[in-house]
Amino acid sequence: MFFLGAVSLIWAFSFGLIKGHLTTIDPSLVAALRLVLAALVFLPFTRLKPCPISARILLFGIGALQYGVMYTCYTASFAYLHAYQVALFTIFTPIFVTIFNDLFSARFHRRFFTMALLTVVGTGVVLYRDFSTAEFHTGFLLLQGANACFAFGQVAYCKVMRKLRLRDSSIFSLLYMGGFAATLPMLPWSRLGQELTHIDAQQWLTLLYLGVLASGLCFFMWNYAARTVNAGVLAVSNNLKTPLAIACSALFFGEQINLFQLLTGSVIILAALILNPGSKRAS
């Protein structure tokens, strides 16, 4: 649980950084560069020999969805939304987590679904007024695609790794390589050289921070920690970053928020965590 909270805090700054510095770069290129940097972080720890070929293919595919497709949709949404709105529209990830967990286990977990629903309500309270604004529809749909990919990847990774007696660090570069491969068909190949030369020093520093820390280390910590908690805690934890990100967008990036709604929604999310009877994996 500590790792999930720490990662949520680091990710909270990512929304404002992307909106402030990277919206002029093609979203698929941003995703590709982040994932290349993330893969390089774990390349020295990679030990694929003990990992069966079938598991390698599964992990590569999981990475393609959880990171490649997710990042492309996620980054593209910033062209339509403010940073705090992107954070807000990730609130449905817990629902996707519980749905995919139930599908994998062929069993409906009412308690986990209730927890996920409670955290969606809590996060929705933070800025509920934005849901009725028509101009956000495109961004909202892009975010739901990203949410579904990220949720599926978390659950699938836990299921696959449960059957393998391997260190997470020894295979994690596979996920980032899969994610990078998924971005290749979407890259702007006809103007790729021009896109790369137009990235300034500040944007490279932002990409370095996002690729090495927010992606490379944090996604590893997140998936590793996901294996130590039950689906209910994992679902709720997916929304810890949302009130944190909205607060960061206001404090550090000058976006306007409703403080009362932020505090009220945060209390409801905290209540969802407290109501969970345990942190051990249940399914």
C-alpha atoms as a PDB file:
ATOM      1  CA  MET A   1       0.000   0.000   0.000  1.00  0.00           C
ATOM      2  CA  PHE A   2       2.936   2.372   0.725  1.00  0.00           C
ATOM      3  CA  PHE A   3       4.223   1.956  -2.845  1.00  0.00           C
ATOM      4  CA  LEU A   4       0.777   2.656  -4.315  1.00  0.00           C
ATOM      5  CA  GLY A   5       0.524   5.877  -2.321  1.00  0.00           C
ATOM      6  CA  ALA A   6       4.076   6.984  -3.173  1.00  0.00           C
ATOM      7  CA  VAL A   7       3.539   6.360  -6.879  1.00  0.00           C
ATOM      8  CA  SER A   8       0.229   8.245  -6.793  1.00  0.00           C
ATOM      9  CA  LEU A   9       2.037  11.285  -5.365  1.00  0.00           C
ATOM     10  CA  ILE A  10       4.703  11.209  -8.094  1.00  0.00           C
ATOM     11  CA  TRP A  11       2.092  10.749 -10.821  1.00  0.00           C
ATOM     12  CA  ALA A  12       0.147  13.726  -9.458  1.00  0.00           C
ATOM     13  CA  PHE A  13       2.770  16.071 -10.941  1.00  0.00           C
ATOM     14  CA  SER A  14       2.732  14.386 -14.358  1.00  0.00           C
ATOM     15  CA  PHE A  15      -0.632  15.815 -15.445  1.00  0.00           C
ATOM     16  CA  GLY A  16       0.496  19.427 -15.138  1.00  0.00           C
ATOM     17  CA  LEU A  17       3.888  18.738 -16.710  1.00  0.00           C
ATOM     18  CA  ILE A  18       2.349  17.107 -19.782  1.00  0.00           C
ATOM     19  CA  LYS A  19      -0.217  19.862 -20.210  1.00  0.00           C
ATOM     20  CA  GLY A  20       2.345  22.598 -19.641  1.00  0.00           C
ATOM     21  CA  HIS A  21       5.200  21.283 -21.796  1.00  0.00           C
ATOM     22  CA  LEU A  22       4.304  18.415 -24.123  1.00  0.00           C
ATOM     23  CA  THR A  23       1.002  19.167 -25.873  1.00  0.00           C
ATOM     24  CA  THR A  24       2.857  20.513 -28.946  1.00  0.00           C
ATOM     25  CA  ILE A  25       4.516  17.112 -29.503  1.00  0.00           C
ATOM     26  CA  ASP A  26       2.688  14.277 -31.247  1.00  0.00           C
ATOM     27  CA  PRO A  27       1.128  12.129 -28.476  1.00  0.00           C
ATOM     28  CA  SER A  28       2.336   8.837 -29.960  1.00  0.00           C
ATOM     29  CA  LEU A  29       5.896  10.223 -30.051  1.00  0.00           C
ATOM     30  CA  VAL A  30       5.626  11.277 -26.404  1.00  0.00           C
ATOM     31  CA  ALA A  31       4.421   7.779 -25.532  1.00  0.00           C
ATOM     32  CA  ALA A  32       7.213   6.130 -27.536  1.00  0.00           C
ATOM     33  CA  LEU A  33       9.966   8.253 -25.987  1.00  0.00           C
ATOM     34  CA  ARG A  34       8.661   7.667 -22.456  1.00  0.00           C
ATOM     35  CA  LEU A  35       8.573   3.923 -22.999  1.00  0.00           C
ATOM     36  CA  VAL A  36      12.042   3.763 -24.565  1.00  0.00           C
ATOM     37  CA  LEU A  37      13.457   5.558 -21.523  1.00  0.00           C
ATOM     38  CA  ALA A  38      11.477   3.275 -19.194  1.00  0.00           C
ATOM     39  CA  ALA A  39      12.788   0.150 -20.969  1.00  0.00           C
ATOM     40  CA  LEU A  40      16.366   1.391 -20.682  1.00  0.00           C
ATOM     41  CA  VAL A  41      15.958   1.708 -16.901  1.00  0.00           C
ATOM     42  CA  PHE A  42      15.207  -2.011 -16.549  1.00  0.00           C
ATOM     43  CA  LEU A  43      17.311  -3.396 -19.396  1.00  0.00           C
ATOM     44  CA  PRO A  44      20.334  -4.084 -17.106  1.00  0.00           C
ATOM     45  CA  PHE A  45      18.108  -6.190 -14.806  1.00  0.00           C
ATOM     46  CA  THR A  46      16.499  -8.230 -17.588  1.00  0.00           C
ATOM     47  CA  ARG A  47      16.903 -12.015 -17.268  1.00  0.00           C
ATOM     48  CA  LEU A  48      14.605 -13.707 -19.799  1.00  0.00           C
ATOM     49  CA  LYS A  49      16.162 -17.182 -19.874  1.00  0.00           C
ATOM     50  CA  PRO A  50      14.073 -18.560 -16.939  1.00  0.00           C
ATOM     51  CA  CYS A  51      10.894 -17.061 -18.426  1.00  0.00           C
ATOM     52  CA  PRO A  52       8.965 -19.400 -20.789  1.00  0.00           C
ATOM     53  CA  ILE A  53       8.396 -18.188 -24.349  1.00  0.00           C
ATOM     54  CA  SER A  54       4.613 -18.200 -23.857  1.00  0.00           C
ATOM     55  CA  ALA A  55       4.940 -15.982 -20.768  1.00  0.00           C
ATOM     56  CA  ARG A  56       7.233 -13.600 -22.640  1.00  0.00           C
ATOM     57  CA  ILE A  57       4.619 -13.210 -25.372  1.00  0.00           C
ATOM     58  CA  LEU A  58       1.883 -12.598 -22.807  1.00  0.00           C
ATOM     59  CA  LEU A  59       3.931  -9.995 -20.936  1.00  0.00           C
ATOM     60  CA  PHE A  60       4.879  -8.279 -24.211  1.00  0.00           C
ATOM     61  CA  GLY A  61       1.189  -8.112 -25.146  1.00  0.00           C
ATOM     62  CA  ILE A  62       0.193  -6.841 -21.710  1.00  0.00           C
ATOM     63  CA  GLY A  63       2.751  -4.063 -22.021  1.00  0.00           C
ATOM     64  CA  ALA A  64       1.471  -3.160 -25.486  1.00  0.00           C
ATOM     65  CA  LEU A  65      -1.989  -2.499 -24.053  1.00  0.00           C
ATOM     66  CA  GLN A  66      -1.187  -1.240 -20.554  1.00  0.00           C
ATOM     67  CA  TYR A  67       1.495   1.187 -21.668  1.00  0.00           C
ATOM     68  CA  GLY A  68       1.562   1.637 -25.461  1.00  0.00           C
ATOM     69  CA  VAL A  69      -2.116   2.047 -26.324  1.00  0.00           C
ATOM     70  CA  MET A  70      -2.868   3.568 -22.920  1.00  0.00           C
ATOM     71  CA  TYR A  71      -0.171   6.257 -23.214  1.00  0.00           C
ATOM     72  CA  THR A  72      -1.158   7.221 -26.751  1.00  0.00           C
ATOM     73  CA  CYS A  73      -4.818   7.729 -25.779  1.00  0.00           C
ATOM     74  CA  TYR A  74      -3.852   9.393 -22.480  1.00  0.00           C
ATOM     75  CA  THR A  75      -1.419  11.886 -24.029  1.00  0.00           C
ATOM     76  CA  ALA A  76      -3.811  12.703 -26.892  1.00  0.00           C
ATOM     77  CA  SER A  77      -6.514  13.670 -24.376  1.00  0.00           C
ATOM     78  CA  PHE A  78      -4.461  16.665 -23.196  1.00  0.00           C
ATOM     79  CA  ALA A  79      -5.226  18.412 -26.495  1.00  0.00           C
ATOM     80  CA  TYR A  80      -8.891  18.546 -25.413  1.00  0.00           C
ATOM     81  CA  LEU A  81      -8.723  18.840 -21.624  1.00  0.00           C
ATOM     82  CA  HIS A  82      -7.055  20.772 -18.833  1.00  0.00           C
ATOM     83  CA  ALA A  83      -4.594  18.805 -16.702  1.00  0.00           C
ATOM     84  CA  TYR A  84      -7.029  18.620 -13.771  1.00  0.00           C
ATOM     85  CA  GLN A  85      -9.773  17.387 -16.121  1.00  0.00           C
ATOM     86  CA  VAL A  86      -7.547  14.575 -17.387  1.00  0.00           C
ATOM     87  CA  ALA A  87      -6.954  13.626 -13.765  1.00  0.00           C
ATOM     88  CA  LEU A  88     -10.683  13.764 -13.092  1.00  0.00           C
ATOM     89  CA  PHE A  89     -11.657  11.565 -16.039  1.00  0.00           C
ATOM     90  CA  THR A  90      -9.387   8.736 -14.903  1.00  0.00           C
ATOM     91  CA  ILE A  91     -11.882   8.073 -12.088  1.00  0.00           C
ATOM     92  CA  PHE A  92     -13.469   5.104 -13.849  1.00  0.00           C
ATOM     93  CA  THR A  93     -10.273   3.030 -13.775  1.00  0.00           C
ATOM     94  CA  PRO A  94     -11.343   1.292 -10.511  1.00  0.00           C
ATOM     95  CA  ILE A  95     -14.525   0.061 -12.183  1.00  0.00           C
ATOM     96  CA  PHE A  96     -12.479  -1.394 -15.043  1.00  0.00           C
ATOM     97  CA  VAL A  97     -10.095  -3.031 -12.548  1.00  0.00           C
ATOM     98  CA  THR A  98     -12.928  -4.818 -10.747  1.00  0.00           C
ATOM     99  CA  ILE A  99     -14.615  -5.837 -14.008  1.00  0.00           C
ATOM    100  CA  PHE A 100     -11.424  -7.371 -15.434  1.00  0.00           C
ATOM    101  CA  ASN A 101     -10.620  -9.020 -12.096  1.00  0.00           C
ATOM    102  CA  ASP A 102     -14.072 -10.623 -12.041  1.00  0.00           C
ATOM    103  CA  LEU A 103     -13.729 -11.765 -15.657  1.00  0.00           C
ATOM    104  CA  PHE A 104     -10.354 -13.382 -14.981  1.00  0.00           C
ATOM    105  CA  SER A 105     -11.572 -15.102 -11.830  1.00  0.00           C
ATOM    106  CA  ALA A 106     -15.065 -15.913 -13.240  1.00  0.00           C
ATOM    107  CA  ARG A 107     -16.574 -14.610 -10.039  1.00  0.00           C
ATOM    108  CA  PHE A 108     -18.369 -11.398  -9.066  1.00  0.00           C
ATOM    109  CA  HIS A 109     -16.798  -9.668  -6.046  1.00  0.00           C
ATOM    110  CA  ARG A 110     -19.524  -7.403  -4.714  1.00  0.00           C
ATOM    111  CA  ARG A 111     -17.316  -5.875  -1.999  1.00  0.00           C
ATOM    112  CA  PHE A 112     -14.603  -4.871  -4.465  1.00  0.00           C
ATOM    113  CA  PHE A 113     -17.160  -3.409  -6.878  1.00  0.00           C
ATOM    114  CA  THR A 114     -18.741  -1.419  -4.046  1.00  0.00           C
ATOM    115  CA  MET A 115     -15.352  -0.032  -3.051  1.00  0.00           C
ATOM    116  CA  ALA A 116     -14.620   0.927  -6.650  1.00  0.00           C
ATOM    117  CA  LEU A 117     -18.014   2.587  -7.013  1.00  0.00           C
ATOM    118  CA  LEU A 118     -17.456   4.530  -3.789  1.00  0.00           C
ATOM    119  CA  THR A 119     -14.117   5.872  -4.957  1.00  0.00           C
ATOM    120  CA  VAL A 120     -15.650   6.869  -8.321  1.00  0.00           C
ATOM    121  CA  VAL A 121     -18.324   8.819  -6.438  1.00  0.00           C
ATOM    122  CA  GLY A 122     -15.682  10.410  -4.219  1.00  0.00           C
ATOM    123  CA  THR A 123     -13.530  11.460  -7.138  1.00  0.00           C
ATOM    124  CA  GLY A 124     -16.544  12.661  -9.104  1.00  0.00           C
ATOM    125  CA  VAL A 125     -17.440  14.999  -6.235  1.00  0.00           C
ATOM    126  CA  VAL A 126     -14.115  16.771  -6.731  1.00  0.00           C
ATOM    127  CA  LEU A 127     -15.244  18.438  -9.982  1.00  0.00           C
ATOM    128  CA  TYR A 128     -18.632  17.021 -10.875  1.00  0.00           C
ATOM    129  CA  ARG A 129     -19.662  20.095 -12.875  1.00  0.00           C
ATOM    130  CA  ASP A 130     -17.344  19.196 -15.779  1.00  0.00           C
ATOM    131  CA  PHE A 131     -19.247  16.031 -16.695  1.00  0.00           C
ATOM    132  CA  SER A 132     -22.052  17.988 -18.362  1.00  0.00           C
ATOM    133  CA  THR A 133     -19.793  20.066 -20.623  1.00  0.00           C
ATOM    134  CA  ALA A 134     -20.057  18.878 -24.240  1.00  0.00           C
ATOM    135  CA  GLU A 135     -16.589  20.077 -25.303  1.00  0.00           C
ATOM    136  CA  PHE A 136     -14.985  17.408 -23.100  1.00  0.00           C
ATOM    137  CA  HIS A 137     -16.557  14.419 -24.864  1.00  0.00           C
ATOM    138  CA  THR A 138     -13.586  13.589 -27.099  1.00  0.00           C
ATOM    139  CA  GLY A 139     -11.134  13.862 -24.239  1.00  0.00           C
ATOM    140  CA  PHE A 140     -13.417  11.812 -22.028  1.00  0.00           C
ATOM    141  CA  LEU A 141     -13.636   8.964 -24.556  1.00  0.00           C
ATOM    142  CA  LEU A 142      -9.871   8.943 -25.063  1.00  0.00           C
ATOM    143  CA  LEU A 143      -9.385   8.717 -21.293  1.00  0.00           C
ATOM    144  CA  GLN A 144     -11.796   5.788 -20.990  1.00  0.00           C
ATOM    145  CA  GLY A 145      -9.791   3.891 -23.599  1.00  0.00           C
ATOM    146  CA  ALA A 146      -6.644   4.628 -21.609  1.00  0.00           C
ATOM    147  CA  ASN A 147      -8.345   3.632 -18.348  1.00  0.00           C
ATOM    148  CA  ALA A 148      -9.492   0.292 -19.761  1.00  0.00           C
ATOM    149  CA  CYS A 149      -6.019  -0.555 -21.100  1.00  0.00           C
ATOM    150  CA  PHE A 150      -4.303   0.386 -17.846  1.00  0.00           C
ATOM    151  CA  ALA A 151      -6.801  -1.554 -15.740  1.00  0.00           C
ATOM    152  CA  PHE A 152      -6.574  -4.659 -17.925  1.00  0.00           C
ATOM    153  CA  GLY A 153      -2.782  -4.591 -17.777  1.00  0.00           C
ATOM    154  CA  GLN A 154      -2.686  -4.425 -13.981  1.00  0.00           C
ATOM    155  CA  VAL A 155      -5.005  -7.377 -13.509  1.00  0.00           C
ATOM    156  CA  ALA A 156      -3.466  -9.470 -16.309  1.00  0.00           C
ATOM    157  CA  TYR A 157       0.059  -8.858 -14.992  1.00  0.00           C
ATOM    158  CA  CYS A 158      -0.931 -10.104 -11.533  1.00  0.00           C
ATOM    159  CA  LYS A 159      -2.500 -13.239 -13.020  1.00  0.00           C
ATOM    160  CA  VAL A 160       0.500 -14.055 -15.224  1.00  0.00           C
ATOM    161  CA  MET A 161       3.151 -13.339 -12.593  1.00  0.00           C
ATOM    162  CA  ARG A 162       1.314 -15.395 -10.003  1.00  0.00           C
ATOM    163  CA  LYS A 163       2.230 -18.483 -12.035  1.00  0.00           C
ATOM    164  CA  LEU A 164       5.880 -17.493 -12.531  1.00  0.00           C
ATOM    165  CA  ARG A 165       8.551 -17.668  -9.849  1.00  0.00           C
ATOM    166  CA  LEU A 166      10.543 -14.771 -11.223  1.00  0.00           C
ATOM    167  CA  ARG A 167      11.679 -11.392  -9.973  1.00  0.00           C
ATOM    168  CA  ASP A 168       9.513  -8.624 -11.364  1.00  0.00           C
ATOM    169  CA  SER A 169      12.612  -6.641 -12.323  1.00  0.00           C
ATOM    170  CA  SER A 170      13.930  -9.513 -14.470  1.00  0.00           C
ATOM    171  CA  ILE A 171      11.041  -9.343 -16.946  1.00  0.00           C
ATOM    172  CA  PHE A 172       9.671  -5.812 -16.628  1.00  0.00           C
ATOM    173  CA  SER A 173      11.538  -4.410 -19.617  1.00  0.00           C
ATOM    174  CA  LEU A 174       9.380  -6.768 -21.722  1.00  0.00           C
ATOM    175  CA  LEU A 175       6.283  -4.762 -20.815  1.00  0.00           C
ATOM    176  CA  TYR A 176       7.916  -1.486 -21.821  1.00  0.00           C
ATOM    177  CA  MET A 177       9.186  -3.034 -25.068  1.00  0.00           C
ATOM    178  CA  GLY A 178       5.654  -4.216 -25.805  1.00  0.00           C
ATOM    179  CA  GLY A 179       4.347  -0.744 -25.060  1.00  0.00           C
ATOM    180  CA  PHE A 180       6.933   0.834 -27.354  1.00  0.00           C
ATOM    181  CA  ALA A 181       6.090  -1.617 -30.145  1.00  0.00           C
ATOM    182  CA  ALA A 182       2.406  -0.659 -29.878  1.00  0.00           C
ATOM    183  CA  THR A 183       3.247   3.012 -30.478  1.00  0.00           C
ATOM    184  CA  LEU A 184       5.254   2.357 -33.670  1.00  0.00           C
ATOM    185  CA  PRO A 185       2.279   2.147 -36.100  1.00  0.00           C
ATOM    186  CA  MET A 186       0.934   5.425 -34.690  1.00  0.00           C
ATOM    187  CA  LEU A 187       4.166   7.456 -34.947  1.00  0.00           C
ATOM    188  CA  PRO A 188       4.206  10.391 -37.431  1.00  0.00           C
ATOM    189  CA  TRP A 189       6.864   8.769 -39.633  1.00  0.00           C
ATOM    190  CA  SER A 190       6.569  11.318 -42.461  1.00  0.00           C
ATOM    191  CA  ARG A 191       7.562  14.183 -40.158  1.00  0.00           C
ATOM    192  CA  LEU A 192       9.397  12.299 -37.401  1.00  0.00           C
ATOM    193  CA  GLY A 193      12.713  14.073 -37.929  1.00  0.00           C
ATOM    194  CA  GLN A 194      11.011  17.464 -37.804  1.00  0.00           C
ATOM    195  CA  GLU A 195       9.124  16.525 -34.637  1.00  0.00           C
ATOM    196  CA  LEU A 196      12.327  15.421 -32.882  1.00  0.00           C
ATOM    197  CA  THR A 197      14.307  18.528 -33.826  1.00  0.00           C
ATOM    198  CA  HIS A 198      11.531  20.798 -32.512  1.00  0.00           C
ATOM    199  CA  ILE A 199      11.681  19.303 -28.995  1.00  0.00           C
ATOM    200  CA  ASP A 200      13.407  21.903 -26.830  1.00  0.00           C
ATOM    201  CA  ALA A 201      15.608  21.402 -23.750  1.00  0.00           C
ATOM    202  CA  GLN A 202      12.756  21.890 -21.273  1.00  0.00           C
ATOM    203  CA  GLN A 203      10.634  19.327 -23.086  1.00  0.00           C
ATOM    204  CA  TRP A 204      13.516  16.819 -23.092  1.00  0.00           C
ATOM    205  CA  LEU A 205      13.931  17.297 -19.343  1.00  0.00           C
ATOM    206  CA  THR A 206      10.188  16.731 -18.884  1.00  0.00           C
ATOM    207  CA  LEU A 207      10.355  13.580 -21.020  1.00  0.00           C
ATOM    208  CA  LEU A 208      13.362  12.374 -19.016  1.00  0.00           C
ATOM    209  CA  TYR A 209      11.476  12.847 -15.745  1.00  0.00           C
ATOM    210  CA  LEU A 210       8.354  11.161 -17.097  1.00  0.00           C
ATOM    211  CA  GLY A 211      10.207   8.312 -18.804  1.00  0.00           C
ATOM    212  CA  VAL A 212      12.679   7.390 -16.068  1.00  0.00           C
ATOM    213  CA  LEU A 213      10.706   8.178 -12.914  1.00  0.00           C
ATOM    214  CA  ALA A 214       6.953   8.460 -13.643  1.00  0.00           C
ATOM    215  CA  SER A 215       7.021   5.592 -16.155  1.00  0.00           C
ATOM    216  CA  GLY A 216      10.111   3.477 -15.600  1.00  0.00           C
ATOM    217  CA  LEU A 217      10.275   3.264 -11.819  1.00  0.00           C
ATOM    218  CA  CYS A 218       6.671   4.091 -10.940  1.00  0.00           C
ATOM    219  CA  PHE A 219       4.952   1.605 -13.238  1.00  0.00           C
ATOM    220  CA  PHE A 220       7.257  -1.101 -11.917  1.00  0.00           C
ATOM    221  CA  MET A 221       6.443  -0.145  -8.327  1.00  0.00           C
ATOM    222  CA  TRP A 222       2.736  -0.018  -9.157  1.00  0.00           C
ATOM    223  CA  ASN A 223       2.514  -3.448 -10.791  1.00  0.00           C
ATOM    224  CA  TYR A 224       4.752  -4.957  -8.097  1.00  0.00           C
ATOM    225  CA  ALA A 225       2.572  -3.498  -5.328  1.00  0.00           C
ATOM    226  CA  ALA A 226      -0.588  -4.590  -7.160  1.00  0.00           C
ATOM    227  CA  ARG A 227       0.421  -8.184  -6.473  1.00  0.00           C
ATOM    228  CA  THR A 228       0.416  -7.594  -2.699  1.00  0.00           C
ATOM    229  CA  VAL A 229      -3.110  -6.184  -2.288  1.00  0.00           C
ATOM    230  CA  ASN A 230      -6.595  -7.373  -3.124  1.00  0.00           C
ATOM    231  CA  ALA A 231      -8.612  -6.124  -6.094  1.00  0.00           C
ATOM    232  CA  GLY A 232     -10.597  -3.726  -3.905  1.00  0.00           C
ATOM    233  CA  VAL A 233      -7.547  -1.867  -2.622  1.00  0.00           C
ATOM    234  CA  LEU A 234      -6.026  -1.865  -6.113  1.00  0.00           C
ATOM    235  CA  ALA A 235      -9.208  -0.393  -7.583  1.00  0.00           C
ATOM    236  CA  VAL A 236      -9.395   2.387  -4.972  1.00  0.00           C
ATOM    237  CA  SER A 237      -5.654   3.110  -5.232  1.00  0.00           C
ATOM    238  CA  ASN A 238      -6.091   3.882  -8.924  1.00  0.00           C
ATOM    239  CA  ASN A 239      -7.920   7.040  -7.878  1.00  0.00           C
ATOM    240  CA  LEU A 240      -5.542   8.226  -5.156  1.00  0.00           C
ATOM    241  CA  LYS A 241      -3.667  10.200  -7.786  1.00  0.00           C
ATOM    242  CA  THR A 242      -6.761  12.121  -8.883  1.00  0.00           C
ATOM    243  CA  PRO A 243      -7.297  14.499  -5.936  1.00  0.00           C
ATOM    244  CA  LEU A 244      -3.508  14.767  -5.592  1.00  0.00           C
ATOM    245  CA  ALA A 245      -3.151  15.681  -9.263  1.00  0.00           C
ATOM    246  CA  ILE A 246      -5.931  18.255  -9.070  1.00  0.00           C
ATOM    247  CA  ALA A 247      -4.311  19.814  -6.003  1.00  0.00           C
ATOM    248  CA  CYS A 248      -0.937  19.920  -7.805  1.00  0.00           C
ATOM    249  CA  SER A 249      -2.526  21.493 -10.879  1.00  0.00           C
ATOM    250  CA  ALA A 250      -3.845  24.284  -8.658  1.00  0.00           C
ATOM    251  CA  LEU A 251      -0.795  24.746  -6.419  1.00  0.00           C
ATOM    252  CA  PHE A 252       1.991  24.412  -8.984  1.00  0.00           C
ATOM    253  CA  PHE A 253       0.407  25.025 -12.403  1.00  0.00           C
ATOM    254  CA  GLY A 254      -2.143  27.770 -11.597  1.00  0.00           C
ATOM    255  CA  GLU A 255      -5.369  25.982 -12.591  1.00  0.00           C
ATOM    256  CA  GLN A 256      -8.585  26.921 -10.783  1.00  0.00           C
ATOM    257  CA  ILE A 257     -10.307  24.314  -8.587  1.00  0.00           C
ATOM    258  CA  ASN A 258     -13.070  24.117  -5.975  1.00  0.00           C
ATOM    259  CA  LEU A 259     -11.299  23.416  -2.674  1.00  0.00           C
ATOM    260  CA  PHE A 260     -14.448  22.252  -0.857  1.00  0.00           C
ATOM    261  CA  GLN A 261     -15.208  19.673  -3.562  1.00  0.00           C
ATOM    262  CA  LEU A 262     -11.588  18.509  -3.542  1.00  0.00           C
ATOM    263  CA  LEU A 263     -11.614  17.937   0.221  1.00  0.00           C
ATOM    264  CA  THR A 264     -15.051  16.281   0.202  1.00  0.00           C
ATOM    265  CA  GLY A 265     -14.130  13.879  -2.591  1.00  0.00           C
ATOM    266  CA  SER A 266     -10.810  13.034  -0.940  1.00  0.00           C
ATOM    267  CA  VAL A 267     -12.574  12.113   2.301  1.00  0.00           C
ATOM    268  CA  ILE A 268     -14.905   9.721   0.422  1.00  0.00           C
ATOM    269  CA  ILE A 269     -11.938   8.036  -1.309  1.00  0.00           C
ATOM    270  CA  LEU A 270     -10.175   7.665   2.043  1.00  0.00           C
ATOM    271  CA  ALA A 271     -13.347   6.126   3.470  1.00  0.00           C
ATOM    272  CA  ALA A 272     -13.342   3.536   0.674  1.00  0.00           C
ATOM    273  CA  LEU A 273      -9.840   2.476   1.673  1.00  0.00           C
ATOM    274  CA  ILE A 274     -10.724   2.334   5.378  1.00  0.00           C
ATOM    275  CA  LEU A 275     -13.792   0.178   4.669  1.00  0.00           C
ATOM    276  CA  ASN A 276     -11.626  -2.466   3.009  1.00  0.00           C
ATOM    277  CA  PRO A 277     -11.150  -5.261   5.581  1.00  0.00           C
ATOM    278  CA  GLY A 278      -7.632  -6.187   4.544  1.00  0.00           C
ATOM    279  CA  SER A 279      -4.746  -5.479   2.226  1.00  0.00           C
ATOM    280  CA  LYS A 280      -3.802  -8.999   1.272  1.00  0.00           C
ATOM    281  CA  ARG A 281      -4.610 -10.302  -2.169  1.00  0.00           C
ATOM    282  CA  ALA A 282      -8.000 -11.934  -2.217  1.00  0.00           C
ATOM    283  CA  SER A 283      -8.356 -13.029  -5.793  1.00  0.00           C
END
